Amino acid sequence: MRLLVVEDEADLAMAVVDHLRAAGHAVDHAPTLDEAEAAARVAAHDLILLDLRLPDGDGLTLLRNLRERGSSTPVLIVTARDRIMERIAGLEAGADDYLVKPYDLNEMAARISAILRRADNVRSLERTFGKLTIRPASKSVQIDGKDVALTRKEWSLIDRLSRRPQTTFAKADLEEAVYGFDDEVDSNAIEAHVSRLRAKLGREVITTIRGFGYRMGRR
């Protein structure tokens, strides 16, 4: 999953980003409203963790803009504003959940997982491709019932491809799913991940569509 953390408190932002990356997510960080708007426009995030008190404005502005543009990206508000009416305002603006500072990082991660499950019920179901079984709930892959060990980035890649098996993904789309803005990405990184996945899962699992990108399974 690729997440966007909108938080201006540097120490807190670093702790949140590190915690989410350790859980296997690709994470982008935006400390201001303007940077958050730019990040939300150029990348497809699976969830936004949104602070409200930002140096250049109110985080609710970003939330309202997203919903006005028709974006259904899940949003978890994290803020020191704890009055009932403020919570109601955030939820009515389109937030999926509301977490009050200070908060426990494990609770934050659990709420993110719950939101993602609600946002895409398909992710909780097994996906079967011949002898290959993908179990998103446990982030596990099996061939003929035997577990196959994948790295976090390999999992992110196969998860993105298998969620939409009829779609051909451009290399740039897959880089967005696997890497954050601050990650250094080698020019052949996706090719390398695909090659390793084919070695582990079988060459027929991922097809190269020349000039376009990659898709799950055979043509």
N, C-alpha and C. Protein backbone atom coordinates (compact mmCIF):
# COMPACT_ATOMS: atom_id res chain seq x y z
N MET A 1 0.83 -1.19 0.00
CA MET A 1 0.00 0.00 0.00
C MET A 1 0.87 1.26 0.00
N ARG A 2 0.42 2.28 -0.71
CA ARG A 2 1.13 3.55 -0.71
C ARG A 2 0.32 4.57 0.08
N LEU A 3 0.92 5.13 1.11
CA LEU A 3 0.23 6.04 2.01
C LEU A 3 0.86 7.42 1.97
N LEU A 4 0.05 8.44 2.25
CA LEU A 4 0.52 9.81 2.35
C LEU A 4 0.31 10.30 3.77
N VAL A 5 1.39 10.70 4.43
CA VAL A 5 1.33 11.24 5.78
C VAL A 5 1.44 12.76 5.71
N VAL A 6 0.37 13.45 6.11
CA VAL A 6 0.36 14.92 6.11
C VAL A 6 0.49 15.37 7.56
N GLU A 7 1.71 15.76 7.93
CA GLU A 7 2.01 16.09 9.32
C GLU A 7 3.19 17.06 9.37
N ASP A 8 3.01 18.18 10.10
CA ASP A 8 4.08 19.20 10.14
C ASP A 8 5.01 19.05 11.34
N GLU A 9 4.63 18.27 12.35
CA GLU A 9 5.52 18.04 13.49
C GLU A 9 6.59 17.03 13.07
N ALA A 10 7.83 17.50 12.95
CA ALA A 10 8.89 16.68 12.34
C ALA A 10 9.12 15.37 13.07
N ASP A 11 9.23 15.42 14.39
CA ASP A 11 9.51 14.20 15.15
C ASP A 11 8.38 13.19 15.03
N LEU A 12 7.15 13.67 15.13
CA LEU A 12 6.00 12.78 15.01
C LEU A 12 5.92 12.20 13.60
N ALA A 13 6.13 13.06 12.61
CA ALA A 13 6.07 12.59 11.23
C ALA A 13 7.10 11.48 10.98
N MET A 14 8.31 11.68 11.50
CA MET A 14 9.37 10.68 11.31
C MET A 14 8.98 9.35 11.97
N ALA A 15 8.42 9.43 13.18
CA ALA A 15 8.02 8.21 13.89
C ALA A 15 6.91 7.47 13.13
N VAL A 16 5.93 8.23 12.62
CA VAL A 16 4.82 7.63 11.89
C VAL A 16 5.30 7.00 10.59
N VAL A 17 6.11 7.73 9.84
CA VAL A 17 6.63 7.22 8.57
C VAL A 17 7.45 5.96 8.79
N ASP A 18 8.33 5.97 9.78
CA ASP A 18 9.16 4.80 10.06
C ASP A 18 8.30 3.60 10.46
N HIS A 19 7.27 3.85 11.27
CA HIS A 19 6.39 2.77 11.73
C HIS A 19 5.63 2.15 10.56
N LEU A 20 5.13 2.97 9.67
CA LEU A 20 4.36 2.47 8.53
C LEU A 20 5.25 1.77 7.52
N ARG A 21 6.47 2.30 7.32
CA ARG A 21 7.40 1.62 6.41
C ARG A 21 7.81 0.26 6.96
N ALA A 22 7.98 0.18 8.27
CA ALA A 22 8.32 -1.10 8.90
C ALA A 22 7.20 -2.12 8.72
N ALA A 23 5.97 -1.61 8.56
CA ALA A 23 4.82 -2.50 8.34
C ALA A 23 4.68 -2.90 6.88
N GLY A 24 5.58 -2.40 6.02
CA GLY A 24 5.59 -2.81 4.63
C GLY A 24 4.95 -1.86 3.65
N HIS A 25 4.60 -0.64 4.10
CA HIS A 25 3.96 0.33 3.22
C HIS A 25 5.00 1.24 2.55
N ALA A 26 4.69 1.71 1.36
CA ALA A 26 5.43 2.81 0.75
C ALA A 26 4.79 4.09 1.28
N VAL A 27 5.61 5.02 1.78
CA VAL A 27 5.05 6.18 2.48
C VAL A 27 5.65 7.48 1.94
N ASP A 28 4.77 8.44 1.62
CA ASP A 28 5.16 9.79 1.26
C ASP A 28 4.84 10.71 2.44
N HIS A 29 5.62 11.78 2.60
CA HIS A 29 5.38 12.72 3.68
C HIS A 29 5.24 14.13 3.14
N ALA A 30 4.20 14.83 3.58
CA ALA A 30 3.99 16.23 3.21
C ALA A 30 3.78 17.04 4.48
N PRO A 31 4.64 18.03 4.78
CA PRO A 31 4.51 18.81 6.01
C PRO A 31 3.59 20.03 5.89
N THR A 32 3.14 20.35 4.69
CA THR A 32 2.28 21.52 4.49
C THR A 32 1.07 21.17 3.64
N LEU A 33 0.09 22.06 3.67
CA LEU A 33 -1.11 21.86 2.87
C LEU A 33 -0.79 21.87 1.38
N ASP A 34 0.04 22.81 0.95
CA ASP A 34 0.40 22.90 -0.47
C ASP A 34 1.10 21.64 -0.95
N GLU A 35 2.05 21.14 -0.16
CA GLU A 35 2.77 19.93 -0.55
C GLU A 35 1.85 18.72 -0.56
N ALA A 36 0.90 18.69 0.37
CA ALA A 36 -0.06 17.59 0.41
C ALA A 36 -0.96 17.61 -0.82
N GLU A 37 -1.41 18.81 -1.22
CA GLU A 37 -2.24 18.94 -2.42
C GLU A 37 -1.47 18.44 -3.64
N ALA A 38 -0.20 18.84 -3.75
CA ALA A 38 0.62 18.42 -4.89
C ALA A 38 0.81 16.92 -4.90
N ALA A 39 1.10 16.34 -3.73
CA ALA A 39 1.33 14.90 -3.64
C ALA A 39 0.07 14.12 -4.01
N ALA A 40 -1.09 14.61 -3.54
CA ALA A 40 -2.35 13.92 -3.81
C ALA A 40 -2.72 13.96 -5.30
N ARG A 41 -2.25 14.99 -6.00
CA ARG A 41 -2.57 15.12 -7.42
C ARG A 41 -1.67 14.26 -8.32
N VAL A 42 -0.42 14.05 -7.89
CA VAL A 42 0.52 13.36 -8.79
C VAL A 42 0.66 11.87 -8.50
N ALA A 43 0.15 11.40 -7.37
CA ALA A 43 0.29 9.98 -7.03
C ALA A 43 -1.03 9.40 -6.55
N ALA A 44 -1.21 8.12 -6.80
CA ALA A 44 -2.42 7.41 -6.35
C ALA A 44 -2.13 6.76 -5.00
N HIS A 45 -2.64 7.36 -3.94
CA HIS A 45 -2.41 6.83 -2.60
C HIS A 45 -3.59 5.95 -2.18
N ASP A 46 -3.28 4.93 -1.40
CA ASP A 46 -4.32 4.04 -0.90
C ASP A 46 -4.97 4.59 0.35
N LEU A 47 -4.30 5.51 1.04
CA LEU A 47 -4.86 6.15 2.23
C LEU A 47 -4.04 7.40 2.55
N ILE A 48 -4.72 8.41 3.12
CA ILE A 48 -4.05 9.63 3.56
C ILE A 48 -4.24 9.77 5.06
N LEU A 49 -3.14 9.95 5.77
CA LEU A 49 -3.16 10.23 7.20
C LEU A 49 -3.03 11.74 7.34
N LEU A 50 -4.08 12.41 7.80
CA LEU A 50 -4.19 13.86 7.64
C LEU A 50 -4.26 14.62 8.96
N ASP A 51 -3.23 15.43 9.22
CA ASP A 51 -3.29 16.39 10.34
C ASP A 51 -4.12 17.59 9.89
N LEU A 52 -4.73 18.29 10.82
CA LEU A 52 -5.58 19.42 10.46
C LEU A 52 -4.89 20.76 10.62
N ARG A 53 -4.09 20.91 11.66
CA ARG A 53 -3.41 22.19 11.90
C ARG A 53 -2.07 22.21 11.18
N LEU A 54 -2.08 22.76 9.98
CA LEU A 54 -0.88 22.81 9.16
C LEU A 54 -0.38 24.25 9.06
N PRO A 55 0.89 24.46 8.78
CA PRO A 55 1.45 25.82 8.77
C PRO A 55 0.77 26.77 7.79
N ASP A 56 0.26 26.23 6.69
CA ASP A 56 -0.33 27.10 5.66
C ASP A 56 -1.83 26.90 5.48
N GLY A 57 -2.48 26.28 6.45
CA GLY A 57 -3.93 26.14 6.32
C GLY A 57 -4.49 24.96 7.09
N ASP A 58 -5.77 24.71 6.88
CA ASP A 58 -6.51 23.67 7.58
C ASP A 58 -6.54 22.41 6.71
N GLY A 59 -6.21 21.27 7.31
CA GLY A 59 -6.23 20.02 6.57
C GLY A 59 -7.59 19.67 5.99
N LEU A 60 -8.66 20.21 6.60
CA LEU A 60 -9.99 19.94 6.05
C LEU A 60 -10.14 20.50 4.64
N THR A 61 -9.34 21.51 4.32
CA THR A 61 -9.38 22.05 2.95
C THR A 61 -8.97 20.98 1.95
N LEU A 62 -7.90 20.25 2.27
CA LEU A 62 -7.46 19.16 1.40
C LEU A 62 -8.53 18.10 1.29
N LEU A 63 -9.11 17.73 2.42
CA LEU A 63 -10.14 16.69 2.43
C LEU A 63 -11.33 17.10 1.57
N ARG A 64 -11.79 18.33 1.73
CA ARG A 64 -12.94 18.79 0.94
C ARG A 64 -12.59 18.84 -0.55
N ASN A 65 -11.38 19.28 -0.87
CA ASN A 65 -10.96 19.33 -2.28
C ASN A 65 -10.93 17.94 -2.90
N LEU A 66 -10.43 16.96 -2.14
CA LEU A 66 -10.39 15.59 -2.63
C LEU A 66 -11.81 15.10 -2.95
N ARG A 67 -12.72 15.31 -2.03
CA ARG A 67 -14.09 14.81 -2.23
C ARG A 67 -14.79 15.57 -3.37
N GLU A 68 -14.51 16.86 -3.50
CA GLU A 68 -15.11 17.63 -4.60
C GLU A 68 -14.59 17.15 -5.95
N ARG A 69 -13.34 16.66 -5.99
CA ARG A 69 -12.78 16.12 -7.23
C ARG A 69 -13.26 14.71 -7.51
N GLY A 70 -14.03 14.16 -6.60
CA GLY A 70 -14.55 12.81 -6.78
C GLY A 70 -13.63 11.73 -6.27
N SER A 71 -12.58 12.10 -5.53
CA SER A 71 -11.65 11.12 -5.00
C SER A 71 -12.27 10.36 -3.83
N SER A 72 -12.13 9.04 -3.86
CA SER A 72 -12.62 8.21 -2.75
C SER A 72 -11.48 7.69 -1.89
N THR A 73 -10.29 8.27 -2.04
CA THR A 73 -9.13 7.85 -1.24
C THR A 73 -9.48 7.93 0.25
N PRO A 74 -9.33 6.84 0.99
CA PRO A 74 -9.64 6.88 2.42
C PRO A 74 -8.76 7.89 3.15
N VAL A 75 -9.34 8.57 4.14
CA VAL A 75 -8.62 9.58 4.92
C VAL A 75 -8.83 9.32 6.41
N LEU A 76 -7.72 9.21 7.13
CA LEU A 76 -7.75 9.11 8.58
C LEU A 76 -7.23 10.43 9.15
N ILE A 77 -8.09 11.19 9.80
CA ILE A 77 -7.68 12.45 10.42
C ILE A 77 -6.96 12.15 11.72
N VAL A 78 -5.81 12.81 11.92
CA VAL A 78 -5.08 12.72 13.19
C VAL A 78 -4.81 14.15 13.65
N THR A 79 -5.35 14.51 14.80
CA THR A 79 -5.28 15.91 15.22
C THR A 79 -5.46 16.05 16.72
N ALA A 80 -5.04 17.20 17.26
CA ALA A 80 -5.25 17.49 18.68
C ALA A 80 -6.67 18.01 18.94
N ARG A 81 -7.40 18.32 17.87
CA ARG A 81 -8.77 18.82 18.04
C ARG A 81 -9.65 17.66 18.52
N ASP A 82 -10.13 17.73 19.74
CA ASP A 82 -10.84 16.59 20.31
C ASP A 82 -12.29 16.87 20.69
N ARG A 83 -12.80 18.07 20.36
CA ARG A 83 -14.19 18.35 20.68
C ARG A 83 -15.12 17.59 19.75
N ILE A 84 -16.28 17.22 20.26
CA ILE A 84 -17.22 16.41 19.50
C ILE A 84 -17.59 17.08 18.19
N MET A 85 -17.87 18.38 18.21
CA MET A 85 -18.29 19.07 17.00
C MET A 85 -17.17 19.08 15.95
N GLU A 86 -15.91 19.11 16.41
CA GLU A 86 -14.79 19.08 15.47
C GLU A 86 -14.67 17.70 14.83
N ARG A 87 -14.92 16.67 15.62
CA ARG A 87 -14.91 15.32 15.06
C ARG A 87 -16.02 15.16 14.03
N ILE A 88 -17.18 15.66 14.38
CA ILE A 88 -18.31 15.57 13.46
C ILE A 88 -18.00 16.31 12.16
N ALA A 89 -17.39 17.49 12.27
CA ALA A 89 -17.04 18.27 11.08
C ALA A 89 -16.09 17.50 10.17
N GLY A 90 -15.11 16.84 10.76
CA GLY A 90 -14.18 16.06 9.97
C GLY A 90 -14.85 14.89 9.28
N LEU A 91 -15.70 14.18 9.98
CA LEU A 91 -16.40 13.04 9.39
C LEU A 91 -17.38 13.49 8.31
N GLU A 92 -18.06 14.61 8.55
CA GLU A 92 -19.00 15.11 7.56
C GLU A 92 -18.30 15.64 6.32
N ALA A 93 -17.03 16.05 6.47
CA ALA A 93 -16.26 16.53 5.32
C ALA A 93 -15.78 15.37 4.44
N GLY A 94 -15.91 14.15 4.97
CA GLY A 94 -15.54 12.98 4.16
C GLY A 94 -14.46 12.10 4.72
N ALA A 95 -14.05 12.34 6.00
CA ALA A 95 -13.04 11.48 6.61
C ALA A 95 -13.63 10.10 6.91
N ASP A 96 -12.76 9.10 6.90
CA ASP A 96 -13.20 7.73 7.19
C ASP A 96 -13.05 7.38 8.67
N ASP A 97 -12.17 8.08 9.36
CA ASP A 97 -11.98 7.85 10.79
C ASP A 97 -11.26 9.07 11.38
N TYR A 98 -11.20 9.13 12.71
CA TYR A 98 -10.70 10.31 13.41
C TYR A 98 -9.91 9.82 14.61
N LEU A 99 -8.63 10.21 14.70
CA LEU A 99 -7.77 9.78 15.79
C LEU A 99 -7.20 11.03 16.47
N VAL A 100 -7.34 11.10 17.79
CA VAL A 100 -6.93 12.29 18.54
C VAL A 100 -5.51 12.13 19.08
N LYS A 101 -4.70 13.19 18.91
CA LYS A 101 -3.35 13.22 19.48
C LYS A 101 -3.41 13.48 20.98
N PRO A 102 -2.46 12.94 21.74
CA PRO A 102 -1.43 11.99 21.31
C PRO A 102 -2.04 10.61 21.13
N TYR A 103 -1.49 9.84 20.20
CA TYR A 103 -2.05 8.52 19.93
C TYR A 103 -0.93 7.48 19.89
N ASP A 104 -1.33 6.24 20.06
CA ASP A 104 -0.39 5.12 20.02
C ASP A 104 -0.18 4.70 18.56
N LEU A 105 1.06 4.48 18.17
CA LEU A 105 1.35 4.13 16.78
C LEU A 105 0.73 2.80 16.38
N ASN A 106 0.63 1.88 17.32
CA ASN A 106 0.01 0.59 16.99
C ASN A 106 -1.49 0.73 16.76
N GLU A 107 -2.12 1.62 17.54
CA GLU A 107 -3.55 1.88 17.31
C GLU A 107 -3.74 2.55 15.95
N MET A 108 -2.86 3.48 15.63
CA MET A 108 -2.93 4.13 14.32
C MET A 108 -2.83 3.11 13.20
N ALA A 109 -1.87 2.19 13.29
CA ALA A 109 -1.69 1.17 12.26
C ALA A 109 -2.92 0.27 12.18
N ALA A 110 -3.52 -0.05 13.33
CA ALA A 110 -4.71 -0.90 13.33
C ALA A 110 -5.89 -0.19 12.67
N ARG A 111 -6.04 1.10 12.93
CA ARG A 111 -7.12 1.86 12.31
C ARG A 111 -6.92 1.94 10.79
N ILE A 112 -5.67 2.12 10.36
CA ILE A 112 -5.38 2.15 8.93
C ILE A 112 -5.77 0.83 8.27
N SER A 113 -5.41 -0.27 8.91
CA SER A 113 -5.75 -1.59 8.37
C SER A 113 -7.26 -1.77 8.27
N ALA A 114 -7.98 -1.31 9.29
CA ALA A 114 -9.44 -1.44 9.30
C ALA A 114 -10.06 -0.61 8.17
N ILE A 115 -9.55 0.61 7.99
CA ILE A 115 -10.07 1.48 6.92
C ILE A 115 -9.83 0.85 5.55
N LEU A 116 -8.63 0.32 5.34
CA LEU A 116 -8.31 -0.27 4.05
C LEU A 116 -9.17 -1.50 3.78
N ARG A 117 -9.48 -2.26 4.81
CA ARG A 117 -10.36 -3.42 4.62
C ARG A 117 -11.76 -2.97 4.22
N ARG A 118 -12.24 -1.91 4.86
CA ARG A 118 -13.58 -1.42 4.51
C ARG A 118 -13.60 -0.82 3.12
N ALA A 119 -12.50 -0.14 2.75
CA ALA A 119 -12.46 0.56 1.47
C ALA A 119 -12.40 -0.40 0.29
N ASP A 120 -11.83 -1.56 0.49
CA ASP A 120 -11.68 -2.49 -0.62
C ASP A 120 -11.85 -3.91 -0.10
N ASN A 121 -13.10 -4.35 -0.03
CA ASN A 121 -13.37 -5.67 0.52
C ASN A 121 -12.69 -6.77 -0.27
N VAL A 122 -12.42 -6.52 -1.54
CA VAL A 122 -11.78 -7.53 -2.37
C VAL A 122 -10.41 -7.90 -1.82
N ARG A 123 -9.76 -6.95 -1.15
CA ARG A 123 -8.42 -7.21 -0.64
C ARG A 123 -8.41 -8.30 0.44
N SER A 124 -9.54 -8.52 1.09
CA SER A 124 -9.58 -9.52 2.14
C SER A 124 -9.88 -10.92 1.62
N LEU A 125 -10.14 -11.03 0.32
CA LEU A 125 -10.46 -12.32 -0.27
C LEU A 125 -9.23 -12.94 -0.92
N GLU A 126 -9.23 -14.26 -0.98
CA GLU A 126 -8.16 -14.94 -1.67
C GLU A 126 -8.29 -14.72 -3.18
N ARG A 127 -7.14 -14.62 -3.84
CA ARG A 127 -7.12 -14.51 -5.30
C ARG A 127 -6.36 -15.71 -5.82
N THR A 128 -6.95 -16.41 -6.76
CA THR A 128 -6.34 -17.64 -7.27
C THR A 128 -6.03 -17.49 -8.75
N PHE A 129 -4.80 -17.85 -9.10
CA PHE A 129 -4.34 -17.84 -10.49
C PHE A 129 -3.65 -19.17 -10.75
N GLY A 130 -4.43 -20.16 -11.23
CA GLY A 130 -3.87 -21.49 -11.42
C GLY A 130 -3.43 -22.08 -10.09
N LYS A 131 -2.15 -22.44 -9.99
CA LYS A 131 -1.61 -23.03 -8.76
C LYS A 131 -1.25 -21.96 -7.72
N LEU A 132 -1.34 -20.69 -8.11
CA LEU A 132 -0.94 -19.59 -7.24
C LEU A 132 -2.13 -19.06 -6.45
N THR A 133 -1.96 -18.93 -5.13
CA THR A 133 -2.98 -18.35 -4.26
C THR A 133 -2.38 -17.15 -3.53
N ILE A 134 -3.09 -16.03 -3.59
CA ILE A 134 -2.64 -14.80 -2.94
C ILE A 134 -3.64 -14.47 -1.84
N ARG A 135 -3.13 -14.31 -0.62
CA ARG A 135 -3.99 -14.02 0.53
C ARG A 135 -3.64 -12.65 1.09
N PRO A 136 -4.35 -11.61 0.65
CA PRO A 136 -4.05 -10.24 1.10
C PRO A 136 -4.16 -10.04 2.60
N ALA A 137 -5.10 -10.70 3.24
CA ALA A 137 -5.30 -10.48 4.67
C ALA A 137 -4.04 -10.81 5.47
N SER A 138 -3.31 -11.83 5.04
CA SER A 138 -2.09 -12.23 5.75
C SER A 138 -0.83 -11.87 4.97
N LYS A 139 -1.01 -11.19 3.82
CA LYS A 139 0.10 -10.82 2.96
C LYS A 139 0.98 -12.03 2.66
N SER A 140 0.32 -13.12 2.26
CA SER A 140 1.04 -14.36 1.99
C SER A 140 0.71 -14.88 0.60
N VAL A 141 1.63 -15.65 0.05
CA VAL A 141 1.48 -16.24 -1.29
C VAL A 141 1.83 -17.72 -1.19
N GLN A 142 1.03 -18.55 -1.85
CA GLN A 142 1.29 -19.98 -1.86
C GLN A 142 1.23 -20.53 -3.28
N ILE A 143 2.02 -21.55 -3.53
CA ILE A 143 1.95 -22.31 -4.77
C ILE A 143 1.70 -23.76 -4.39
N ASP A 144 0.59 -24.31 -4.88
CA ASP A 144 0.18 -25.68 -4.51
C ASP A 144 0.15 -25.84 -2.99
N GLY A 145 -0.29 -24.79 -2.28
CA GLY A 145 -0.44 -24.86 -0.84
C GLY A 145 0.82 -24.63 -0.04
N LYS A 146 1.94 -24.39 -0.73
CA LYS A 146 3.21 -24.17 -0.03
C LYS A 146 3.55 -22.68 -0.04
N ASP A 147 3.91 -22.16 1.13
CA ASP A 147 4.23 -20.74 1.25
C ASP A 147 5.46 -20.37 0.45
N VAL A 148 5.40 -19.18 -0.17
CA VAL A 148 6.53 -18.63 -0.90
C VAL A 148 6.93 -17.33 -0.22
N ALA A 149 8.19 -17.22 0.17
CA ALA A 149 8.67 -16.03 0.87
C ALA A 149 8.92 -14.90 -0.12
N LEU A 150 8.28 -13.74 0.13
CA LEU A 150 8.47 -12.56 -0.71
C LEU A 150 8.99 -11.41 0.14
N THR A 151 9.76 -10.52 -0.48
CA THR A 151 10.15 -9.30 0.19
C THR A 151 8.95 -8.36 0.24
N ARG A 152 9.05 -7.29 1.02
CA ARG A 152 7.94 -6.34 1.11
C ARG A 152 7.63 -5.72 -0.25
N LYS A 153 8.65 -5.36 -0.99
CA LYS A 153 8.42 -4.73 -2.29
C LYS A 153 7.87 -5.73 -3.30
N GLU A 154 8.32 -6.98 -3.24
CA GLU A 154 7.75 -8.01 -4.11
C GLU A 154 6.27 -8.22 -3.79
N TRP A 155 5.94 -8.22 -2.49
CA TRP A 155 4.54 -8.35 -2.11
C TRP A 155 3.72 -7.16 -2.63
N SER A 156 4.21 -5.95 -2.45
CA SER A 156 3.48 -4.76 -2.91
C SER A 156 3.22 -4.85 -4.42
N LEU A 157 4.19 -5.35 -5.15
CA LEU A 157 4.05 -5.44 -6.60
C LEU A 157 3.02 -6.49 -7.00
N ILE A 158 3.10 -7.68 -6.44
CA ILE A 158 2.16 -8.73 -6.82
C ILE A 158 0.75 -8.40 -6.31
N ASP A 159 0.66 -7.70 -5.19
CA ASP A 159 -0.64 -7.28 -4.67
C ASP A 159 -1.31 -6.30 -5.63
N ARG A 160 -0.55 -5.31 -6.12
CA ARG A 160 -1.11 -4.33 -7.04
C ARG A 160 -1.54 -4.99 -8.36
N LEU A 161 -0.72 -5.86 -8.90
CA LEU A 161 -1.04 -6.52 -10.16
C LEU A 161 -2.26 -7.44 -10.02
N SER A 162 -2.32 -8.18 -8.93
CA SER A 162 -3.38 -9.18 -8.78
C SER A 162 -4.72 -8.59 -8.41
N ARG A 163 -4.73 -7.35 -7.88
CA ARG A 163 -6.01 -6.71 -7.57
C ARG A 163 -6.78 -6.37 -8.83
N ARG A 164 -6.06 -6.12 -9.93
CA ARG A 164 -6.71 -5.78 -11.20
C ARG A 164 -6.04 -6.58 -12.31
N PRO A 165 -6.33 -7.88 -12.35
CA PRO A 165 -5.60 -8.79 -13.25
C PRO A 165 -5.82 -8.53 -14.74
N GLN A 166 -6.85 -7.80 -15.11
CA GLN A 166 -7.09 -7.51 -16.53
C GLN A 166 -6.45 -6.20 -16.96
N THR A 167 -5.78 -5.53 -16.04
CA THR A 167 -5.20 -4.21 -16.32
C THR A 167 -3.71 -4.32 -16.60
N THR A 168 -3.25 -3.59 -17.63
CA THR A 168 -1.83 -3.48 -17.89
C THR A 168 -1.31 -2.24 -17.18
N PHE A 169 -0.35 -2.43 -16.29
CA PHE A 169 0.20 -1.33 -15.50
C PHE A 169 1.50 -0.84 -16.12
N ALA A 170 1.59 0.46 -16.33
CA ALA A 170 2.85 1.05 -16.79
C ALA A 170 3.88 0.94 -15.67
N LYS A 171 5.15 0.97 -16.06
CA LYS A 171 6.23 0.89 -15.09
C LYS A 171 6.09 1.97 -14.03
N ALA A 172 5.74 3.18 -14.44
CA ALA A 172 5.59 4.29 -13.50
C ALA A 172 4.48 4.02 -12.49
N ASP A 173 3.39 3.38 -12.92
CA ASP A 173 2.30 3.05 -12.00
C ASP A 173 2.77 2.09 -10.93
N LEU A 174 3.57 1.11 -11.32
CA LEU A 174 4.07 0.13 -10.36
C LEU A 174 5.10 0.73 -9.43
N GLU A 175 5.90 1.66 -9.93
CA GLU A 175 6.85 2.36 -9.05
C GLU A 175 6.10 3.13 -7.98
N GLU A 176 4.95 3.74 -8.34
CA GLU A 176 4.15 4.48 -7.38
C GLU A 176 3.61 3.56 -6.29
N ALA A 177 3.28 2.31 -6.67
CA ALA A 177 2.72 1.36 -5.71
C ALA A 177 3.77 0.85 -4.73
N VAL A 178 5.03 0.81 -5.18
CA VAL A 178 6.08 0.18 -4.40
C VAL A 178 6.95 1.17 -3.65
N TYR A 179 7.14 2.37 -4.22
CA TYR A 179 8.09 3.33 -3.66
C TYR A 179 7.41 4.64 -3.26
N GLY A 180 7.96 5.31 -2.24
CA GLY A 180 7.52 6.63 -1.86
C GLY A 180 8.34 7.69 -2.58
N PHE A 181 7.95 8.96 -2.43
CA PHE A 181 8.66 10.06 -3.09
C PHE A 181 10.12 10.12 -2.69
N ASP A 182 10.41 9.83 -1.42
CA ASP A 182 11.77 9.98 -0.90
C ASP A 182 12.66 8.78 -1.19
N ASP A 183 12.10 7.72 -1.73
CA ASP A 183 12.90 6.53 -2.03
C ASP A 183 13.71 6.73 -3.30
N GLU A 184 14.93 6.23 -3.28
CA GLU A 184 15.74 6.23 -4.49
C GLU A 184 15.36 5.00 -5.31
N VAL A 185 14.99 5.23 -6.55
CA VAL A 185 14.51 4.14 -7.41
C VAL A 185 15.45 3.97 -8.58
N ASP A 186 16.07 2.79 -8.68
CA ASP A 186 16.92 2.50 -9.83
C ASP A 186 16.07 2.40 -11.07
N SER A 187 16.64 2.73 -12.21
CA SER A 187 15.89 2.75 -13.47
C SER A 187 15.33 1.36 -13.82
N ASN A 188 15.99 0.31 -13.37
CA ASN A 188 15.53 -1.04 -13.70
C ASN A 188 14.95 -1.76 -12.47
N ALA A 189 14.52 -0.99 -11.45
CA ALA A 189 14.06 -1.61 -10.21
C ALA A 189 12.84 -2.51 -10.44
N ILE A 190 11.85 -2.01 -11.18
CA ILE A 190 10.64 -2.81 -11.41
C ILE A 190 10.97 -4.06 -12.20
N GLU A 191 11.82 -3.93 -13.22
CA GLU A 191 12.22 -5.10 -13.99
C GLU A 191 12.87 -6.15 -13.08
N ALA A 192 13.70 -5.68 -12.14
CA ALA A 192 14.37 -6.60 -11.23
C ALA A 192 13.37 -7.31 -10.32
N HIS A 193 12.40 -6.56 -9.79
CA HIS A 193 11.38 -7.17 -8.94
C HIS A 193 10.55 -8.19 -9.73
N VAL A 194 10.17 -7.83 -10.95
CA VAL A 194 9.39 -8.75 -11.78
C VAL A 194 10.17 -10.02 -12.06
N SER A 195 11.46 -9.86 -12.36
CA SER A 195 12.31 -11.02 -12.63
C SER A 195 12.37 -11.96 -11.43
N ARG A 196 12.51 -11.39 -10.23
CA ARG A 196 12.58 -12.22 -9.03
C ARG A 196 11.24 -12.89 -8.74
N LEU A 197 10.14 -12.17 -8.99
CA LEU A 197 8.82 -12.78 -8.80
C LEU A 197 8.60 -13.94 -9.76
N ARG A 198 9.03 -13.77 -11.00
CA ARG A 198 8.90 -14.87 -11.96
C ARG A 198 9.73 -16.08 -11.53
N ALA A 199 10.91 -15.82 -10.98
CA ALA A 199 11.76 -16.92 -10.52
C ALA A 199 11.10 -17.68 -9.37
N LYS A 200 10.38 -16.96 -8.51
CA LYS A 200 9.75 -17.58 -7.36
C LYS A 200 8.39 -18.19 -7.67
N LEU A 201 7.63 -17.53 -8.56
CA LEU A 201 6.22 -17.91 -8.78
C LEU A 201 5.96 -18.55 -10.13
N GLY A 202 6.92 -18.44 -11.06
CA GLY A 202 6.72 -18.98 -12.41
C GLY A 202 6.64 -17.86 -13.43
N ARG A 203 7.22 -18.08 -14.59
CA ARG A 203 7.29 -17.03 -15.61
C ARG A 203 5.91 -16.62 -16.11
N GLU A 204 4.94 -17.53 -16.05
CA GLU A 204 3.62 -17.23 -16.60
C GLU A 204 2.79 -16.32 -15.70
N VAL A 205 3.26 -16.07 -14.48
CA VAL A 205 2.48 -15.28 -13.53
C VAL A 205 2.37 -13.83 -13.95
N ILE A 206 3.43 -13.26 -14.49
CA ILE A 206 3.44 -11.86 -14.92
C ILE A 206 3.84 -11.79 -16.38
N THR A 207 3.02 -11.11 -17.17
CA THR A 207 3.29 -10.97 -18.60
C THR A 207 3.76 -9.56 -18.92
N THR A 208 4.79 -9.46 -19.73
CA THR A 208 5.26 -8.16 -20.23
C THR A 208 4.49 -7.79 -21.48
N ILE A 209 3.86 -6.63 -21.47
CA ILE A 209 3.18 -6.11 -22.66
C ILE A 209 4.11 -5.05 -23.24
N ARG A 210 4.84 -5.40 -24.26
CA ARG A 210 5.91 -4.54 -24.76
C ARG A 210 5.38 -3.17 -25.15
N GLY A 211 6.08 -2.16 -24.67
CA GLY A 211 5.70 -0.79 -24.96
C GLY A 211 4.65 -0.24 -24.03
N PHE A 212 4.08 -1.09 -23.16
CA PHE A 212 3.01 -0.65 -22.26
C PHE A 212 3.32 -0.91 -20.79
N GLY A 213 3.73 -2.13 -20.44
CA GLY A 213 4.01 -2.42 -19.06
C GLY A 213 3.82 -3.88 -18.73
N TYR A 214 3.17 -4.14 -17.59
CA TYR A 214 3.01 -5.52 -17.10
C TYR A 214 1.57 -5.77 -16.68
N ARG A 215 1.19 -7.04 -16.77
CA ARG A 215 -0.12 -7.43 -16.29
C ARG A 215 -0.03 -8.82 -15.67
N MET A 216 -1.05 -9.19 -14.92
CA MET A 216 -1.07 -10.47 -14.24
C MET A 216 -1.46 -11.56 -15.22
N GLY A 217 -0.74 -12.67 -15.20
CA GLY A 217 -1.10 -13.84 -16.00
C GLY A 217 -0.76 -13.72 -17.46
N ARG A 218 -1.29 -14.64 -18.23
CA ARG A 218 -1.05 -14.67 -19.67
C ARG A 218 -1.95 -13.68 -20.37
N ARG A 219 -1.61 -13.38 -21.64
CA ARG A 219 -2.45 -12.46 -22.40
C ARG A 219 -3.80 -13.08 -22.66
